[in-house]
Amino acid sequence: MDSEKLKYLIGANIATYRKRSGLTQAGLAEKLNYTDKAVSKWERGDSVPDVLTLAQLAEQFGVTVNDLLADPNALPEGTGVVQQAMDRVVRKTLKRKANKNIILGLSSILVWFVALLVYVVVSSVGLPYSWLAFLYAIPVNAIVLLSLRSAWHDFRWNRAMISTIMWGGLLSIYMTLLIALSANVWKIFLLGIPGQAAILLWFRMFRPAKNPESPDGEARHG
């Protein structure tokens, strides 16, 4: 099979499965952390996704990489060899993703274990307010997850985690001042309003902008 025909088949299959999944080009692009312009090029056959992205597409659509490569009318000779190679890549990709999820889970467990250890130690020596350790674990846990995901170039949950860090930190400070100093400084939460606005505006800069050249009229990342 020549490269142009393979590009066309992959693009046609991506478009077919995308529509079956009820996704727009912009919606699919957002899930893959790509622009909708890139998705549009794939579907037109102007370019093809890399192997790892093909694996992500297959997982998103609930199909195999074979399905994205297959000609619905006829399978040419030799395609099976390519499909087997792609399947091996898919298995490795899914295993890598599973390993990352395990690392994230273990990191969260470690944070809460440390919080529990602090609670046990502080409460054992008779110091009050030892349960505050669990409140501080909330922003700390978000910081750890944010750092790991950013190191892996996975930015899908950054906005939520940054918001958790900010509000969790404010809550921890508020409760500490309220209990330890009997200071009802509820106004500290007012700081979260401009903070949250800044977070929303920052991430809005990277939201899709209207792309009139896209076949479906969807947006692309700026």
Protein backbone atom coordinates (compact mmCIF):
# COMPACT_ATOMS: atom_id res chain seq x y z
CA MET A 1 0.00 0.00 0.00
CA ASP A 2 1.43 3.41 -0.92
CA SER A 3 1.79 6.10 1.71
CA GLU A 4 -0.89 8.39 0.26
CA LYS A 5 -3.51 5.65 0.33
CA LEU A 6 -2.53 4.76 3.90
CA LYS A 7 -2.91 8.42 4.92
CA TYR A 8 -6.34 8.53 3.31
CA LEU A 9 -7.46 5.31 5.05
CA ILE A 10 -6.26 6.46 8.47
CA GLY A 11 -7.91 9.85 8.00
CA ALA A 12 -11.19 8.36 6.84
CA ASN A 13 -11.23 5.90 9.75
CA ILE A 14 -10.48 8.65 12.29
CA ALA A 15 -13.34 10.74 10.90
CA THR A 16 -15.71 7.75 10.95
CA TYR A 17 -14.96 6.70 14.53
CA ARG A 18 -14.94 10.32 15.72
CA LYS A 19 -18.44 10.87 14.38
CA ARG A 20 -19.63 7.56 15.82
CA SER A 21 -18.32 8.71 19.20
CA GLY A 22 -20.29 11.94 18.90
CA LEU A 23 -17.16 14.11 19.00
CA THR A 24 -16.34 17.23 17.03
CA GLN A 25 -12.83 17.80 15.75
CA ALA A 26 -12.33 20.31 18.56
CA GLY A 27 -13.66 17.85 21.14
CA LEU A 28 -11.34 15.09 19.98
CA ALA A 29 -8.40 17.50 19.81
CA GLU A 30 -8.98 18.57 23.40
CA LYS A 31 -9.00 14.98 24.65
CA LEU A 32 -5.70 14.30 22.85
CA ASN A 33 -4.12 17.64 23.79
CA TYR A 34 -3.81 18.56 20.10
CA THR A 35 -5.29 21.36 18.01
CA ASP A 36 -8.38 20.73 15.92
CA LYS A 37 -6.31 21.89 12.94
CA ALA A 38 -4.13 18.81 13.43
CA VAL A 39 -7.22 16.56 13.61
CA SER A 40 -8.54 18.19 10.44
CA LYS A 41 -5.26 17.46 8.62
CA TRP A 42 -5.38 13.82 9.76
CA GLU A 43 -8.91 13.38 8.47
CA ARG A 44 -8.08 15.01 5.12
CA GLY A 45 -5.06 12.75 4.74
CA ASP A 46 -2.62 15.69 4.73
CA SER A 47 -0.71 14.15 7.64
CA VAL A 48 -0.89 11.16 9.95
CA PRO A 49 -0.69 10.89 13.75
CA ASP A 50 2.40 9.35 15.27
CA VAL A 51 2.26 5.82 16.64
CA LEU A 52 1.55 6.83 20.24
CA THR A 53 -1.25 9.15 19.12
CA LEU A 54 -2.75 6.33 17.05
CA ALA A 55 -2.78 4.25 20.23
CA GLN A 56 -4.54 7.08 22.09
CA LEU A 57 -7.08 7.41 19.29
CA ALA A 58 -7.80 3.69 19.33
CA GLU A 59 -8.31 3.77 23.10
CA GLN A 60 -10.55 6.85 22.84
CA PHE A 61 -12.77 5.20 20.21
CA GLY A 62 -12.77 1.81 21.91
CA VAL A 63 -11.21 0.09 18.89
CA THR A 64 -7.81 -1.34 18.00
CA VAL A 65 -5.08 0.29 15.95
CA ASN A 66 -5.92 -2.39 13.35
CA ASP A 67 -9.31 -0.74 12.88
CA LEU A 68 -7.69 2.63 12.24
CA LEU A 69 -5.39 1.12 9.61
CA ALA A 70 -7.90 -1.20 7.96
CA ASP A 71 -9.45 -0.67 4.56
CA PRO A 72 -13.16 -1.43 5.12
CA ASN A 73 -13.42 -2.74 1.56
CA ALA A 74 -10.28 -4.86 1.28
CA LEU A 75 -7.24 -5.66 3.38
CA PRO A 76 -4.09 -5.70 1.22
CA GLU A 77 -1.40 -8.31 1.66
CA GLY A 78 1.15 -7.54 4.28
CA THR A 79 -1.18 -5.37 6.35
CA GLY A 80 -1.25 -8.00 9.07
CA VAL A 81 2.45 -7.50 9.77
CA VAL A 82 1.92 -3.76 10.24
CA GLN A 83 -1.10 -4.37 12.42
CA GLN A 84 0.78 -6.79 14.65
CA ALA A 85 3.55 -4.23 15.13
CA MET A 86 0.97 -1.57 15.97
CA ASP A 87 -0.72 -3.89 18.46
CA ARG A 88 2.59 -4.39 20.25
CA VAL A 89 3.02 -0.62 20.47
CA VAL A 90 -0.53 -0.25 21.78
CA ARG A 91 0.08 -2.80 24.51
CA LYS A 92 3.27 -1.03 25.56
CA THR A 93 1.52 2.34 25.53
CA LEU A 94 -1.37 1.10 27.68
CA LYS A 95 1.08 -0.53 30.07
CA ARG A 96 3.01 2.74 30.35
CA LYS A 97 -0.22 4.60 31.07
CA ALA A 98 -1.14 2.05 33.73
CA ASN A 99 2.29 2.44 35.30
CA LYS A 100 1.81 6.22 35.47
CA ASN A 101 -1.55 5.78 37.18
CA ILE A 102 0.10 3.47 39.72
CA ILE A 103 2.80 6.08 40.37
CA LEU A 104 0.15 8.77 40.86
CA GLY A 105 -1.78 6.52 43.24
CA LEU A 106 1.32 5.61 45.25
CA SER A 107 2.33 9.28 45.47
CA SER A 108 -1.08 10.21 46.87
CA ILE A 109 -0.92 7.34 49.35
CA LEU A 110 2.51 8.54 50.48
CA VAL A 111 1.24 12.09 51.06
CA TRP A 112 -1.70 10.89 53.16
CA PHE A 113 0.51 8.42 55.00
CA VAL A 114 2.80 11.29 56.02
CA ALA A 115 -0.27 13.31 57.10
CA LEU A 116 -1.46 10.33 59.17
CA LEU A 117 2.01 9.93 60.68
CA VAL A 118 2.09 13.61 61.67
CA TYR A 119 -1.39 13.26 63.17
CA VAL A 120 -0.40 10.20 65.21
CA VAL A 121 2.85 11.74 66.46
CA VAL A 122 1.36 15.15 67.30
CA SER A 123 -1.72 13.71 69.00
CA SER A 124 0.40 11.20 70.93
CA VAL A 125 2.47 13.93 72.56
CA GLY A 126 -0.70 15.71 73.61
CA LEU A 127 -0.51 18.66 71.23
CA PRO A 128 -3.89 19.98 70.05
CA TYR A 129 -5.18 20.41 66.53
CA SER A 130 -3.26 17.42 65.17
CA TRP A 131 -6.06 16.79 62.64
CA LEU A 132 -4.96 19.91 60.75
CA ALA A 133 -2.34 17.67 59.15
CA PHE A 134 -5.08 16.21 56.96
CA LEU A 135 -6.15 19.65 55.77
CA TYR A 136 -2.62 20.55 54.72
CA ALA A 137 -2.37 17.20 52.91
CA ILE A 138 -4.99 18.42 50.40
CA PRO A 139 -2.88 21.15 48.72
CA VAL A 140 0.32 19.11 49.19
CA ASN A 141 -1.25 16.15 47.39
CA ALA A 142 -2.36 18.44 44.55
CA ILE A 143 1.18 19.86 44.27
CA VAL A 144 2.67 16.37 43.99
CA LEU A 145 0.16 15.29 41.31
CA LEU A 146 0.62 18.55 39.40
CA SER A 147 4.40 18.12 39.41
CA LEU A 148 4.24 14.53 38.18
CA ARG A 149 1.71 15.21 35.43
CA SER A 150 3.61 18.28 34.24
CA ALA A 151 6.82 16.23 34.09
CA TRP A 152 4.95 13.77 31.84
CA HIS A 153 3.59 16.64 29.70
CA ASP A 154 0.05 15.74 30.73
CA PHE A 155 -1.66 19.07 31.39
CA ARG A 156 -5.31 17.98 31.28
CA TRP A 157 -5.95 18.42 35.02
CA ASN A 158 -3.66 21.38 35.68
CA ARG A 159 -6.43 23.92 36.14
CA ALA A 160 -8.29 21.76 38.67
CA MET A 161 -5.14 20.93 40.60
CA ILE A 162 -3.92 24.53 40.73
CA SER A 163 -7.35 25.59 42.00
CA THR A 164 -7.19 22.82 44.63
CA ILE A 165 -3.77 24.03 45.75
CA MET A 166 -5.02 27.59 46.13
CA TRP A 167 -8.34 26.87 47.89
CA GLY A 168 -6.87 24.03 49.96
CA GLY A 169 -4.05 26.29 51.10
CA LEU A 170 -6.46 29.09 52.02
CA LEU A 171 -8.68 26.66 53.95
CA SER A 172 -5.70 25.27 55.85
CA ILE A 173 -4.46 28.73 56.80
CA TYR A 174 -7.96 29.84 57.80
CA MET A 175 -8.56 26.83 60.06
CA THR A 176 -5.11 27.19 61.63
CA LEU A 177 -5.72 30.85 62.49
CA LEU A 178 -9.28 30.17 63.62
CA ILE A 179 -8.38 27.33 65.98
CA ALA A 180 -4.94 28.33 67.18
CA LEU A 181 -5.48 32.07 67.50
CA SER A 182 -9.30 32.25 67.64
CA ALA A 183 -9.09 34.66 64.71
CA ASN A 184 -12.10 34.37 62.41
CA VAL A 185 -10.29 35.68 59.36
CA TRP A 186 -12.89 34.50 56.83
CA LYS A 187 -11.90 37.38 54.58
CA ILE A 188 -8.84 35.39 53.64
CA PHE A 189 -11.07 33.53 51.18
CA LEU A 190 -11.55 36.80 49.28
CA LEU A 191 -7.99 36.32 48.07
CA GLY A 192 -9.22 33.27 46.21
CA ILE A 193 -11.53 35.33 43.98
CA PRO A 194 -8.81 37.18 42.02
CA GLY A 195 -6.68 34.05 42.27
CA GLN A 196 -9.36 31.89 40.65
CA ALA A 197 -10.03 34.59 38.03
CA ALA A 198 -6.32 34.65 37.17
CA ILE A 199 -6.29 30.84 36.84
CA LEU A 200 -9.33 30.87 34.52
CA LEU A 201 -7.91 33.67 32.38
CA TRP A 202 -4.51 32.00 32.17
CA PHE A 203 -5.98 28.73 30.90
CA ARG A 204 -8.42 30.56 28.65
CA MET A 205 -5.43 31.75 26.62
CA PHE A 206 -4.88 28.13 25.60
CA ARG A 207 -8.49 27.31 24.84
CA PRO A 208 -9.50 26.71 21.20
CA ALA A 209 -10.08 29.79 19.07
CA LYS A 210 -12.42 29.85 16.06
CA ASN A 211 -10.86 28.38 12.93
CA PRO A 212 -12.88 29.25 9.80
CA GLU A 213 -10.72 26.99 7.63
CA SER A 214 -11.69 23.85 9.51
CA PRO A 215 -14.15 21.67 7.55
CA ASP A 216 -16.50 21.33 10.51
CA GLY A 217 -16.05 24.94 11.59
CA GLU A 218 -14.51 23.86 14.88
CA ALA A 219 -11.87 25.60 16.89
CA ARG A 220 -8.17 25.09 17.27
CA HIS A 221 -5.71 25.83 20.04
CA GLY A 222 -3.96 29.17 19.72
